[in-house]
N, C-alpha and C. Protein backbone atom coordinates (compact mmCIF):
# COMPACT_ATOMS: atom_id res chain seq x y z
N MET A 1 -12.65 11.33 16.73
CA MET A 1 -13.10 11.11 15.10
C MET A 1 -11.21 10.44 14.60
N PHE A 2 -10.48 10.57 15.20
CA PHE A 2 -9.40 10.07 14.08
C PHE A 2 -9.13 8.96 15.00
N ARG A 3 -9.40 8.34 16.04
CA ARG A 3 -9.12 7.28 16.99
C ARG A 3 -10.25 6.02 16.04
N ARG A 4 -11.26 6.92 15.70
CA ARG A 4 -12.19 5.92 14.70
C ARG A 4 -11.38 5.65 13.33
N SER A 5 -10.93 6.38 12.69
CA SER A 5 -10.41 6.11 11.42
C SER A 5 -8.85 5.19 11.83
N LYS A 6 -8.40 5.09 12.75
CA LYS A 6 -7.56 4.25 13.14
C LYS A 6 -7.84 3.24 13.41
N LYS A 7 -8.91 2.81 14.22
CA LYS A 7 -9.40 1.51 14.57
C LYS A 7 -9.99 0.82 12.94
N ILE A 8 -10.62 1.82 12.09
CA ILE A 8 -11.28 1.24 11.00
C ILE A 8 -9.92 0.71 10.16
N ARG A 9 -9.01 1.55 10.03
CA ARG A 9 -7.78 1.45 9.48
C ARG A 9 -6.73 -0.20 10.06
N ASP A 10 -6.81 -0.15 11.03
CA ASP A 10 -6.21 -1.63 11.91
C ASP A 10 -7.36 -2.76 11.85
N SER A 11 -8.60 -2.41 11.34
CA SER A 11 -9.56 -3.72 11.19
C SER A 11 -9.33 -3.90 10.00
N LEU A 12 -8.99 -3.12 8.80
CA LEU A 12 -8.98 -3.81 7.39
C LEU A 12 -7.59 -4.06 7.15
N THR A 13 -6.44 -3.72 7.93
CA THR A 13 -5.57 -4.30 7.74
C THR A 13 -5.35 -6.01 8.67
N LYS A 14 -5.77 -5.95 9.38
CA LYS A 14 -6.19 -7.23 10.21
C LYS A 14 -6.88 -8.05 9.16
N THR A 15 -8.06 -7.52 8.75
CA THR A 15 -8.44 -8.72 7.64
C THR A 15 -7.43 -8.90 6.47
N ARG A 16 -7.14 -7.97 5.88
CA ARG A 16 -6.33 -7.80 4.82
C ARG A 16 -5.27 -9.22 4.90
N ARG A 17 -4.65 -8.91 5.82
CA ARG A 17 -3.72 -10.10 6.52
C ARG A 17 -3.95 -11.46 6.43
N SER A 18 -5.19 -11.52 7.40
CA SER A 18 -6.06 -12.68 7.64
C SER A 18 -6.47 -13.49 5.82
N PHE A 19 -6.64 -12.80 5.09
CA PHE A 19 -7.40 -13.12 3.73
C PHE A 19 -5.80 -13.52 3.23
N PHE A 20 -4.72 -13.16 2.94
CA PHE A 20 -3.76 -13.60 2.15
C PHE A 20 -3.05 -14.57 2.89
N GLY A 21 -3.40 -14.51 4.26
CA GLY A 21 -2.57 -15.53 4.69
C GLY A 21 -3.43 -16.89 4.47
N GLN A 22 -4.58 -16.99 4.64
CA GLN A 22 -5.55 -17.88 3.84
C GLN A 22 -5.12 -18.68 2.98
N ILE A 23 -5.23 -17.89 1.94
CA ILE A 23 -4.30 -17.79 0.45
C ILE A 23 -3.08 -18.53 0.33
N VAL A 24 -2.02 -18.11 1.13
CA VAL A 24 -0.77 -18.56 1.29
C VAL A 24 -0.73 -19.91 1.90
N GLY A 25 -1.85 -20.02 2.90
CA GLY A 25 -1.85 -21.56 3.48
C GLY A 25 -2.67 -22.53 2.23
N LEU A 26 -3.16 -21.96 1.82
CA LEU A 26 -3.41 -23.10 0.83
C LEU A 26 -3.10 -23.35 -0.61
N LEU A 27 -2.21 -22.59 -1.05
CA LEU A 27 -1.48 -22.33 -1.76
C LEU A 27 -0.05 -22.94 -1.33
N SER A 28 0.20 -23.40 -0.25
CA SER A 28 1.47 -23.23 0.04
C SER A 28 1.94 -25.32 0.22
N GLY A 29 0.18 -26.07 -0.26
CA GLY A 29 0.67 -27.42 -0.41
C GLY A 29 1.13 -27.92 -1.33
N GLY A 30 1.39 -29.02 -2.05
CA GLY A 30 1.67 -29.89 -3.04
C GLY A 30 1.25 -29.56 -4.45
N GLU A 31 -0.05 -30.64 -3.90
CA GLU A 31 -0.88 -31.12 -5.29
C GLU A 31 -2.01 -30.21 -5.69
N ILE A 32 -2.26 -29.78 -6.50
CA ILE A 32 -3.54 -29.27 -7.04
C ILE A 32 -4.35 -30.16 -7.03
N THR A 33 -5.69 -29.90 -6.03
CA THR A 33 -6.88 -30.84 -5.94
C THR A 33 -8.25 -30.17 -6.44
N GLU A 34 -9.32 -30.73 -6.45
CA GLU A 34 -10.65 -30.44 -6.78
C GLU A 34 -10.68 -29.75 -5.33
N GLU A 35 -10.28 -30.09 -4.19
CA GLU A 35 -10.66 -29.07 -2.95
C GLU A 35 -10.07 -28.18 -3.14
N THR A 36 -8.53 -27.74 -3.72
CA THR A 36 -8.26 -27.02 -3.85
C THR A 36 -8.65 -25.84 -4.41
N TRP A 37 -9.18 -26.07 -5.71
CA TRP A 37 -9.90 -25.07 -6.60
C TRP A 37 -11.42 -24.65 -5.63
N GLU A 38 -11.64 -25.41 -4.88
CA GLU A 38 -13.00 -25.20 -4.28
C GLU A 38 -12.84 -24.43 -3.05
N ASP A 39 -11.61 -24.59 -2.34
CA ASP A 39 -11.58 -23.54 -1.05
C ASP A 39 -10.99 -22.19 -1.83
N LEU A 40 -10.10 -22.11 -3.20
CA LEU A 40 -9.74 -21.01 -3.63
C LEU A 40 -11.00 -20.08 -3.84
N GLU A 41 -11.90 -20.89 -4.24
CA GLU A 41 -13.16 -20.19 -4.95
C GLU A 41 -13.64 -19.55 -3.31
N ALA A 42 -14.05 -20.24 -2.62
CA ALA A 42 -14.86 -19.73 -1.61
C ALA A 42 -13.91 -18.42 -0.61
N LEU A 43 -12.61 -18.65 -0.85
CA LEU A 43 -12.07 -17.49 0.06
C LEU A 43 -12.24 -16.26 -1.10
N LEU A 44 -12.18 -16.45 -2.14
CA LEU A 44 -12.25 -15.26 -3.36
C LEU A 44 -13.32 -14.56 -2.82
N VAL A 45 -14.59 -15.59 -3.20
CA VAL A 45 -15.88 -14.91 -2.76
C VAL A 45 -16.14 -14.28 -1.44
N GLN A 46 -15.69 -15.21 -0.44
CA GLN A 46 -15.64 -14.58 0.91
C GLN A 46 -14.81 -12.78 0.98
N ALA A 47 -13.55 -12.68 0.20
CA ALA A 47 -13.20 -11.55 0.20
C ALA A 47 -13.93 -10.74 -0.90
N ASP A 48 -14.94 -10.78 -1.05
CA ASP A 48 -15.68 -10.10 -2.00
C ASP A 48 -15.32 -9.65 -3.17
N VAL A 49 -14.76 -10.50 -3.83
CA VAL A 49 -13.93 -10.60 -5.03
C VAL A 49 -15.03 -10.42 -6.29
N GLY A 50 -16.26 -11.33 -5.87
CA GLY A 50 -17.09 -11.16 -6.72
C GLY A 50 -17.06 -13.20 -7.37
N VAL A 51 -18.62 -13.14 -7.88
CA VAL A 51 -18.29 -14.47 -8.28
C VAL A 51 -18.03 -14.81 -9.86
N GLN A 52 -18.64 -13.95 -10.51
CA GLN A 52 -17.89 -13.77 -12.12
C GLN A 52 -16.62 -13.71 -11.71
N THR A 53 -16.00 -12.77 -11.53
CA THR A 53 -14.33 -12.49 -11.29
C THR A 53 -13.74 -13.51 -10.70
N THR A 54 -14.30 -14.19 -9.45
CA THR A 54 -13.70 -15.39 -9.18
C THR A 54 -13.34 -16.28 -10.19
N MET A 55 -14.67 -16.59 -10.66
CA MET A 55 -14.91 -17.85 -12.03
C MET A 55 -13.63 -17.76 -12.75
N VAL A 56 -13.81 -16.26 -13.78
CA VAL A 56 -12.81 -15.88 -14.23
C VAL A 56 -11.38 -16.11 -14.03
N LEU A 57 -11.03 -15.67 -12.79
CA LEU A 57 -9.57 -16.07 -12.10
C LEU A 57 -9.24 -17.75 -12.29
N VAL A 58 -10.23 -18.35 -11.56
CA VAL A 58 -10.19 -19.85 -11.01
C VAL A 58 -9.63 -20.52 -12.50
N ASP A 59 -10.64 -20.29 -13.76
CA ASP A 59 -10.51 -20.77 -14.80
C ASP A 59 -9.40 -20.51 -15.58
N ASN A 60 -8.90 -19.48 -15.62
CA ASN A 60 -7.86 -19.12 -16.05
C ASN A 60 -6.42 -19.64 -15.11
N LEU A 61 -6.50 -20.03 -14.60
CA LEU A 61 -5.44 -20.82 -13.05
C LEU A 61 -5.48 -22.23 -13.82
N ARG A 62 -6.64 -22.74 -13.81
CA ARG A 62 -7.04 -23.87 -14.07
C ARG A 62 -6.49 -24.32 -15.72
N GLU A 63 -6.58 -23.67 -16.42
CA GLU A 63 -6.22 -23.50 -17.82
C GLU A 63 -4.68 -23.65 -17.77
N GLN A 64 -4.03 -23.02 -17.08
CA GLN A 64 -2.60 -22.81 -16.87
C GLN A 64 -1.82 -23.94 -16.83
N VAL A 65 -2.63 -24.71 -15.41
CA VAL A 65 -2.26 -26.19 -15.04
C VAL A 65 -2.67 -27.28 -15.89
N ALA A 66 -3.66 -27.05 -16.94
CA ALA A 66 -3.89 -27.97 -17.63
C ALA A 66 -2.84 -27.95 -19.01
N LYS A 67 -2.57 -27.07 -19.54
CA LYS A 67 -1.49 -26.77 -20.46
C LYS A 67 0.13 -26.88 -19.81
N GLY A 68 -0.04 -27.51 -18.62
CA GLY A 68 1.13 -27.94 -18.07
C GLY A 68 2.43 -26.93 -17.61
N LYS A 69 1.62 -25.30 -17.67
CA LYS A 69 2.30 -24.36 -17.08
C LYS A 69 2.20 -24.27 -15.48
N VAL A 70 1.80 -25.23 -15.24
CA VAL A 70 1.75 -24.71 -13.71
C VAL A 70 1.69 -25.96 -13.03
N HIS A 71 2.59 -26.44 -12.00
CA HIS A 71 2.41 -27.75 -11.86
C HIS A 71 2.45 -28.09 -10.28
N ASN A 72 2.01 -27.23 -9.42
CA ASN A 72 1.73 -27.40 -7.97
C ASN A 72 1.23 -26.33 -7.55
N ALA A 73 0.47 -26.70 -6.19
CA ALA A 73 -0.31 -25.15 -5.96
C ALA A 73 0.58 -24.18 -5.50
N GLU A 74 1.71 -24.24 -5.19
CA GLU A 74 2.60 -23.25 -4.61
C GLU A 74 3.18 -22.28 -5.90
N GLN A 75 3.10 -22.81 -6.95
CA GLN A 75 3.04 -22.08 -8.35
C GLN A 75 2.18 -21.10 -8.70
N LEU A 76 0.65 -21.12 -7.77
CA LEU A 76 -0.06 -20.49 -8.10
C LEU A 76 -0.32 -19.36 -7.69
N GLN A 77 0.59 -19.36 -6.55
CA GLN A 77 0.76 -17.94 -5.78
C GLN A 77 1.65 -16.76 -6.91
């Protein structure tokens, strides 16, 4: 039983690290492009954040960029 719990916990840790690694990789680039937004949306949906929550998050980030508060992808982190 404990081995199974450890295996599940280890698998979840690996998944979490992979997800955050992909987010960091995506946002470590310079310019924010439409592809950046699409990739971010896809990663969030794949991470089971939910479509509605993903859209709210991305829309809020887009608004920050439009207002000039964020100038490059790295600042989205």
